[in-house]
């Protein structure tokens, strides 16, 4: 979404990204590495692209091959299993190979600007690894934050003095190149970013924990932040600069932040493995939906994501798209793409 907005469409970016889909897509905790895919295309000794015909090795799952099929960009795989040093090596090889005009480190939400001890922080490890890696490059890297607060971790007001003024505000037109992707991709932060760019405002409930995220005029804004300041502030990123394994980085996260988000995924995956699969019975689903929406209204919630609905109603990742289709078929007026609108009491008295 941001690449054509900043640079046009003539030369789509190479996007170096994690294969770290949450458990609704990938039942295996943590990020995937090179060994978890077949059909990768080697770009440099340590960097491989994920083409449309690549496949994750079962039981792992990944959205990257489908993204590669639907978008013009090249998706290359960040492999964090060799720590920050390994990611730095990947970046250096890519820079030598591509000779890019610019290098942007992009974070949706702004938790990359965290200190590491904030009580609302949920997933600092991936951000800290990429920040640590980028700060060890000789080439200049621009740190961009889009959608302050939209990841449900650091509130937008806490980020205002940590980043520069608005350099771009995304609009509905900017979301058009990814409209088809937003119909199936599970990213909640990207869904809210697109929704706010399209003018949606309110309070959106996300994740399994039901975190409330304000949808405001700040939602579709893009800011530049100082890379060195971010490293100075981010305790975890500084601690993992020299790590050579993901296990080392995880241990630093436990010591500094009090937890590892991969431990959380491990525990959740174990729990999910004990849950029976519910039948997607239409009447039962709509009854569950009415109950959920009544409770959400009482919390002041105006919108939610399909990931939140799937988990709140007790369904699993393999049922997510079928559940989504059932809801769209029965309540199409509540789809405020790509979010689900919670009706007011007046509009849905039942």
Protein backbone atom coordinates (compact mmCIF):
# COMPACT_ATOMS: atom_id res chain seq x y z
CA UNK A 1 0.00 0.00 0.00
CA UNK A 2 2.72 2.45 0.97
CA UNK A 3 5.19 1.62 -1.83
CA UNK A 4 3.14 3.02 -4.75
CA UNK A 5 2.00 5.93 -2.58
CA UNK A 6 5.63 6.98 -2.02
CA UNK A 7 7.40 5.77 -5.15
CA UNK A 8 4.82 5.10 -7.85
CA UNK A 9 4.09 1.84 -9.62
CA UNK A 10 6.86 1.56 -12.22
CA UNK A 11 9.35 -0.38 -10.08
CA UNK A 12 7.67 -2.30 -7.24
CA UNK A 13 9.72 -2.70 -4.08
CA UNK A 14 11.46 -5.78 -2.81
CA UNK A 15 9.83 -6.42 0.56
CA UNK A 16 11.99 -8.28 3.08
CA UNK A 17 9.51 -9.60 5.61
CA UNK A 18 8.86 -12.27 8.20
CA UNK A 19 6.86 -15.38 7.53
CA UNK A 20 5.27 -15.02 10.96
CA UNK A 21 1.56 -15.51 10.55
CA UNK A 22 -0.35 -15.97 13.78
CA UNK A 23 -1.94 -19.25 14.78
CA UNK A 24 -5.12 -18.75 12.76
CA UNK A 25 -2.98 -19.19 9.63
CA UNK A 26 0.12 -21.02 10.87
CA UNK A 27 -0.47 -23.52 13.67
CA UNK A 28 3.27 -23.69 14.39
CA UNK A 29 4.44 -21.06 16.94
CA UNK A 30 7.03 -18.47 15.98
CA UNK A 31 8.46 -17.35 12.62
CA UNK A 32 9.27 -19.65 9.72
CA UNK A 33 12.75 -20.02 8.24
CA UNK A 34 14.17 -21.19 4.92
CA UNK A 35 13.75 -24.85 5.86
CA UNK A 36 10.00 -24.36 6.31
CA UNK A 37 9.36 -23.74 2.58
CA UNK A 38 9.77 -25.52 -0.71
CA UNK A 39 10.11 -23.69 -4.01
CA UNK A 40 12.00 -20.63 -2.75
CA UNK A 41 14.08 -18.60 -5.21
CA UNK A 42 17.60 -17.70 -4.10
CA UNK A 43 18.50 -14.03 -4.46
CA UNK A 44 21.77 -13.98 -2.47
CA UNK A 45 23.60 -16.60 -0.37
CA UNK A 46 21.28 -16.00 2.63
CA UNK A 47 18.21 -14.34 1.07
CA UNK A 48 15.45 -16.22 -0.72
CA UNK A 49 12.34 -14.85 -2.39
CA UNK A 50 8.97 -16.47 -1.80
CA UNK A 51 7.33 -16.85 -5.23
CA UNK A 52 3.68 -17.66 -5.85
CA UNK A 53 4.40 -21.38 -6.29
CA UNK A 54 6.37 -21.73 -3.04
CA UNK A 55 4.74 -23.86 -0.36
CA UNK A 56 5.13 -23.98 3.41
CA UNK A 57 6.15 -27.38 4.70
CA UNK A 58 3.25 -28.94 6.62
CA UNK A 59 2.01 -28.37 9.25
CA UNK A 60 3.26 -24.77 8.84
CA UNK A 61 1.18 -22.18 6.99
CA UNK A 62 2.04 -18.88 5.32
CA UNK A 63 0.31 -16.04 3.51
CA UNK A 64 3.46 -15.07 1.57
CA UNK A 65 2.96 -17.27 -1.53
CA UNK A 66 -0.54 -15.92 -2.06
CA UNK A 67 0.68 -12.35 -1.55
CA UNK A 68 3.34 -12.98 -4.18
CA UNK A 69 0.65 -14.27 -6.54
CA UNK A 70 -1.64 -11.25 -6.12
CA UNK A 71 0.80 -8.33 -5.79
CA UNK A 72 3.61 -7.10 -8.09
CA UNK A 73 6.21 -6.91 -5.34
CA UNK A 74 9.02 -9.38 -4.65
CA UNK A 75 8.65 -10.90 -1.19
CA UNK A 76 11.94 -11.99 0.38
CA UNK A 77 12.12 -13.93 3.62
CA UNK A 78 13.59 -12.53 6.83
CA UNK A 79 15.13 -15.52 8.61
CA UNK A 80 15.49 -14.56 12.31
CA UNK A 81 16.88 -17.93 13.36
CA UNK A 82 20.42 -16.49 13.16
CA UNK A 83 19.56 -13.55 15.38
CA UNK A 84 20.09 -9.87 14.60
CA UNK A 85 23.48 -10.67 13.10
CA UNK A 86 21.86 -12.98 10.57
CA UNK A 87 19.29 -10.37 9.53
CA UNK A 88 22.05 -7.76 9.18
CA UNK A 89 23.89 -10.16 6.89
CA UNK A 90 20.73 -10.67 4.81
CA UNK A 91 20.25 -6.92 4.47
CA UNK A 92 23.86 -6.30 3.50
CA UNK A 93 23.67 -8.97 0.81
CA UNK A 94 20.42 -7.54 -0.55
CA UNK A 95 21.84 -4.02 -0.67
CA UNK A 96 24.87 -5.23 -2.61
CA UNK A 97 22.65 -7.27 -4.95
CA UNK A 98 19.91 -4.69 -5.58
CA UNK A 99 21.72 -1.35 -5.18
CA UNK A 100 18.40 0.16 -4.02
CA UNK A 101 17.56 3.84 -4.26
CA UNK A 102 16.16 3.77 -0.74
CA UNK A 103 15.78 1.45 2.24
CA UNK A 104 12.77 1.84 4.51
CA UNK A 105 12.13 0.03 7.77
CA UNK A 106 8.34 0.08 8.06
CA UNK A 107 6.36 -0.56 11.23
CA UNK A 108 2.58 -0.46 11.41
CA UNK A 109 1.41 0.76 14.81
CA UNK A 110 4.63 2.14 16.23
CA UNK A 111 5.62 -0.45 18.83
CA UNK A 112 9.11 -0.39 17.31
CA UNK A 113 9.43 2.92 19.22
CA UNK A 114 8.80 1.23 22.57
CA UNK A 115 11.23 1.10 25.48
CA UNK A 116 10.36 -2.51 26.23
CA UNK A 117 8.77 -2.19 29.66
CA UNK A 118 5.39 -0.73 28.65
CA UNK A 119 2.53 -2.79 30.13
CA UNK A 120 0.56 -2.68 26.86
CA UNK A 121 3.40 -4.09 24.74
CA UNK A 122 2.59 -7.52 23.27
CA UNK A 123 4.96 -8.41 20.43
CA UNK A 124 8.31 -6.58 20.62
CA UNK A 125 10.66 -9.29 19.37
CA UNK A 126 10.24 -9.06 15.60
CA UNK A 127 10.46 -5.26 15.66
CA UNK A 128 13.52 -5.29 17.91
CA UNK A 129 15.33 -7.78 15.66
CA UNK A 130 14.81 -5.72 12.50
CA UNK A 131 15.65 -2.46 14.29
CA UNK A 132 18.88 -3.96 15.67
CA UNK A 133 19.80 -5.29 12.23
CA UNK A 134 19.13 -2.03 10.38
CA UNK A 135 21.16 -0.01 12.86
CA UNK A 136 24.26 -2.08 12.01
CA UNK A 137 24.22 -1.30 8.28
CA UNK A 138 26.54 1.16 6.55
CA UNK A 139 23.71 2.25 4.23
CA UNK A 140 21.14 4.85 5.37
CA UNK A 141 17.79 3.44 6.51
CA UNK A 142 14.64 5.50 6.93
CA UNK A 143 12.37 4.39 9.79
CA UNK A 144 8.70 4.86 8.91
CA UNK A 145 5.76 4.45 11.28
CA UNK A 146 2.31 4.16 9.70
CA UNK A 147 -0.94 4.02 11.62
CA UNK A 148 0.24 5.14 15.08
CA UNK A 149 -1.45 3.00 17.73
CA UNK A 150 -3.21 0.66 15.28
CA UNK A 151 -1.48 -2.50 16.51
CA UNK A 152 -3.15 -2.14 19.91
CA UNK A 153 0.15 -1.89 21.77
CA UNK A 154 1.38 1.67 22.30
CA UNK A 155 -1.38 4.31 22.17
CA UNK A 156 -0.97 7.02 19.54
CA UNK A 157 -0.59 9.75 22.17
CA UNK A 158 2.46 7.97 23.63
CA UNK A 159 4.15 8.04 20.21
CA UNK A 160 3.73 11.70 19.29
CA UNK A 161 7.03 12.86 20.78
CA UNK A 162 8.88 9.83 19.38
CA UNK A 163 8.27 10.49 15.68
CA UNK A 164 8.19 13.38 13.24
CA UNK A 165 5.17 15.17 11.81
CA UNK A 166 2.83 13.56 9.29
CA UNK A 167 4.61 13.10 5.95
CA UNK A 168 1.66 11.44 4.17
CA UNK A 169 -1.95 10.61 4.91
CA UNK A 170 -3.22 7.54 3.12
CA UNK A 171 -6.60 7.75 1.42
CA UNK A 172 -9.14 5.32 0.02
CA UNK A 173 -7.37 5.55 -3.34
CA UNK A 174 -4.14 4.27 -1.77
CA UNK A 175 -5.92 1.13 -0.56
CA UNK A 176 -7.14 0.11 -4.02
CA UNK A 177 -4.00 -1.87 -5.06
CA UNK A 178 -4.50 -4.18 -2.05
CA UNK A 179 -8.31 -4.32 -1.96
CA UNK A 180 -8.43 -7.97 -3.05
CA UNK A 181 -5.79 -8.93 -0.49
CA UNK A 182 -7.75 -7.30 2.32
CA UNK A 183 -10.62 -9.69 1.60
CA UNK A 184 -8.60 -12.65 2.92
CA UNK A 185 -5.42 -11.51 4.67
CA UNK A 186 -5.69 -11.78 8.49
CA UNK A 187 -3.55 -8.76 9.46
CA UNK A 188 -5.64 -6.69 11.86
CA UNK A 189 -3.33 -3.68 11.85
CA UNK A 190 -3.41 -3.50 8.04
CA UNK A 191 -7.19 -3.92 8.03
CA UNK A 192 -7.60 -0.99 10.41
CA UNK A 193 -5.07 1.07 8.45
CA UNK A 194 -7.09 0.54 5.26
CA UNK A 195 -10.38 1.18 7.06
CA UNK A 196 -9.19 4.50 8.51
CA UNK A 197 -7.82 5.49 5.08
CA UNK A 198 -11.34 4.86 3.77
CA UNK A 199 -12.83 7.11 6.45
CA UNK A 200 -13.97 4.59 9.08
CA UNK A 201 -13.95 6.01 12.62
CA UNK A 202 -14.88 4.43 15.95
CA UNK A 203 -13.45 1.88 18.38
CA UNK A 204 -12.28 -1.48 17.02
CA UNK A 205 -11.83 -4.62 19.10
CA UNK A 206 -8.95 -6.90 18.07
CA UNK A 207 -6.99 -10.04 18.95
CA UNK A 208 -7.97 -12.87 21.24
CA UNK A 209 -7.72 -10.50 24.22
CA UNK A 210 -10.27 -8.07 22.76
CA UNK A 211 -8.02 -5.00 22.82
CA UNK A 212 -9.88 -1.75 21.97
CA UNK A 213 -8.15 0.35 19.28
CA UNK A 214 -9.41 3.87 18.44
CA UNK A 215 -9.98 4.50 14.72
CA UNK A 216 -9.17 8.20 14.38
CA UNK A 217 -7.79 10.71 11.90
CA UNK A 218 -4.29 9.62 13.00
CA UNK A 219 -4.95 6.09 11.75
CA UNK A 220 -3.94 6.58 8.09
CA UNK A 221 -0.95 8.85 8.76
CA UNK A 222 2.69 8.06 7.91
CA UNK A 223 5.59 9.45 9.95
CA UNK A 224 9.36 9.28 9.89
CA UNK A 225 11.18 8.51 13.13
CA UNK A 226 14.87 8.75 13.96
CA UNK A 227 16.48 5.32 13.67
CA UNK A 228 19.27 5.98 16.19
CA UNK A 229 16.83 7.45 18.71
CA UNK A 230 14.66 4.36 18.35
CA UNK A 231 17.63 2.09 19.10
CA UNK A 232 18.66 4.22 22.08
CA UNK A 233 15.14 3.93 23.48
CA UNK A 234 14.50 0.26 22.66
CA UNK A 235 16.16 -1.75 25.42
CA UNK A 236 15.48 -5.10 23.74
CA UNK A 237 16.92 -4.02 20.38
CA UNK A 238 20.15 -2.87 22.07
CA UNK A 239 20.46 -6.10 24.02
CA UNK A 240 20.12 -8.34 20.95
CA UNK A 241 22.48 -6.48 18.60
CA UNK A 242 25.04 -9.28 18.68
CA UNK A 243 22.71 -12.26 18.88
CA UNK A 244 23.34 -15.13 16.46
CA UNK A 245 20.29 -17.28 17.23
CA UNK A 246 16.59 -16.69 17.77
CA UNK A 247 16.84 -18.51 21.11
CA UNK A 248 19.32 -15.88 22.34
CA UNK A 249 17.00 -13.07 21.27
CA UNK A 250 14.06 -14.78 22.98
CA UNK A 251 15.96 -15.07 26.24
CA UNK A 252 16.76 -11.35 26.19
CA UNK A 253 13.05 -10.67 25.63
CA UNK A 254 12.16 -12.73 28.69
CA UNK A 255 14.71 -10.84 30.79
CA UNK A 256 13.89 -7.32 29.58
CA UNK A 257 10.19 -7.47 28.75
CA UNK A 258 9.25 -10.26 31.15
CA UNK A 259 8.04 -12.61 28.41
CA UNK A 260 8.64 -13.97 24.94
CA UNK A 261 5.77 -13.65 22.50
CA UNK A 262 6.77 -17.03 21.05
CA UNK A 263 6.24 -18.60 24.49
CA UNK A 264 2.74 -17.12 24.40
CA UNK A 265 2.18 -18.69 20.98
CA UNK A 266 3.51 -22.04 22.23
CA UNK A 267 1.10 -22.03 25.16
CA UNK A 268 -1.81 -20.95 23.00
CA UNK A 269 -1.04 -23.59 20.35
CA UNK A 270 -1.07 -26.28 23.05
CA UNK A 271 -4.42 -25.01 24.35
CA UNK A 272 -5.92 -24.81 20.85
CA UNK A 273 -4.90 -28.41 20.26
CA UNK A 274 -7.23 -29.50 23.07
CA UNK A 275 -10.31 -27.63 21.79
CA UNK A 276 -13.00 -29.50 19.85
CA UNK A 277 -14.02 -28.07 16.48
CA UNK A 278 -17.43 -26.39 16.47
CA UNK A 279 -19.86 -26.94 13.67
CA UNK A 280 -20.52 -23.86 11.52
CA UNK A 281 -24.27 -24.09 11.98
CA UNK A 282 -25.92 -20.93 10.66
CA UNK A 283 -28.45 -20.48 13.48
CA UNK A 284 -25.85 -21.14 16.14
CA UNK A 285 -23.34 -18.74 14.56
CA UNK A 286 -25.90 -15.93 14.31
CA UNK A 287 -26.98 -16.51 17.92
CA UNK A 288 -23.33 -16.35 19.04
CA UNK A 289 -22.87 -13.22 16.95
CA UNK A 290 -25.86 -11.50 18.60
CA UNK A 291 -24.42 -12.26 22.04
CA UNK A 292 -20.94 -11.05 21.10
CA UNK A 293 -22.26 -7.84 19.55
CA UNK A 294 -24.43 -7.05 22.58
CA UNK A 295 -21.41 -7.39 24.86
CA UNK A 296 -19.22 -5.40 22.45
CA UNK A 297 -21.78 -2.56 22.37
CA UNK A 298 -21.69 -2.42 26.16
CA UNK A 299 -17.93 -1.84 25.89
CA UNK A 300 -18.40 0.99 23.40
CA UNK A 301 -17.08 -1.06 20.47
CA UNK A 302 -18.16 0.02 16.98
CA UNK A 303 -16.08 -2.37 14.82
CA UNK A 304 -14.12 -5.58 15.02
CA UNK A 305 -11.93 -7.77 12.82
CA UNK A 306 -12.66 -11.17 11.38
CA UNK A 307 -9.76 -12.59 13.34
CA UNK A 308 -11.37 -11.32 16.56
CA UNK A 309 -14.76 -12.71 15.53
CA UNK A 310 -13.30 -16.11 14.69
CA UNK A 311 -11.61 -16.45 18.06
CA UNK A 312 -14.36 -14.82 20.13
CA UNK A 313 -17.02 -17.14 18.66
CA UNK A 314 -14.82 -20.19 19.30
CA UNK A 315 -13.85 -21.21 15.75
CA UNK A 316 -10.44 -22.19 14.45
CA UNK A 317 -8.20 -20.96 11.67
CA UNK A 318 -9.37 -23.49 9.10
CA UNK A 319 -12.95 -22.23 9.60
CA UNK A 320 -12.12 -18.51 9.42
CA UNK A 321 -12.96 -17.93 5.76
CA UNK A 322 -16.14 -20.04 5.90
CA UNK A 323 -17.27 -18.12 8.98
CA UNK A 324 -16.51 -14.85 7.23
CA UNK A 325 -18.56 -15.86 4.20
CA UNK A 326 -21.48 -16.98 6.36
CA UNK A 327 -21.53 -13.61 8.12
CA UNK A 328 -21.28 -11.67 4.85
CA UNK A 329 -24.12 -13.69 3.33
CA UNK A 330 -26.41 -13.07 6.29
CA UNK A 331 -25.48 -9.55 7.38
CA UNK A 332 -23.88 -7.84 4.35
CA UNK A 333 -24.83 -4.38 5.60
CA UNK A 334 -22.44 -4.82 8.54
CA UNK A 335 -19.37 -5.26 6.34
CA UNK A 336 -17.45 -1.99 6.35
CA UNK A 337 -14.53 -3.33 4.35
CA UNK A 338 -12.34 -4.79 5.63
CA UNK A 339 -13.86 -4.54 9.14
CA UNK A 340 -17.10 -5.81 10.67
CA UNK A 341 -19.38 -3.07 12.00
CA UNK A 342 -21.13 -3.61 15.32
CA UNK A 343 -24.71 -2.32 14.87
CA UNK A 344 -26.27 0.04 17.37
CA UNK A 345 -29.20 -1.10 19.48
CA UNK A 346 -31.53 0.96 17.29
CA UNK A 347 -30.40 -0.60 14.02
CA UNK A 348 -30.54 -4.16 15.33
CA UNK A 349 -33.09 -4.36 18.14
CA UNK A 350 -32.96 -8.18 18.26
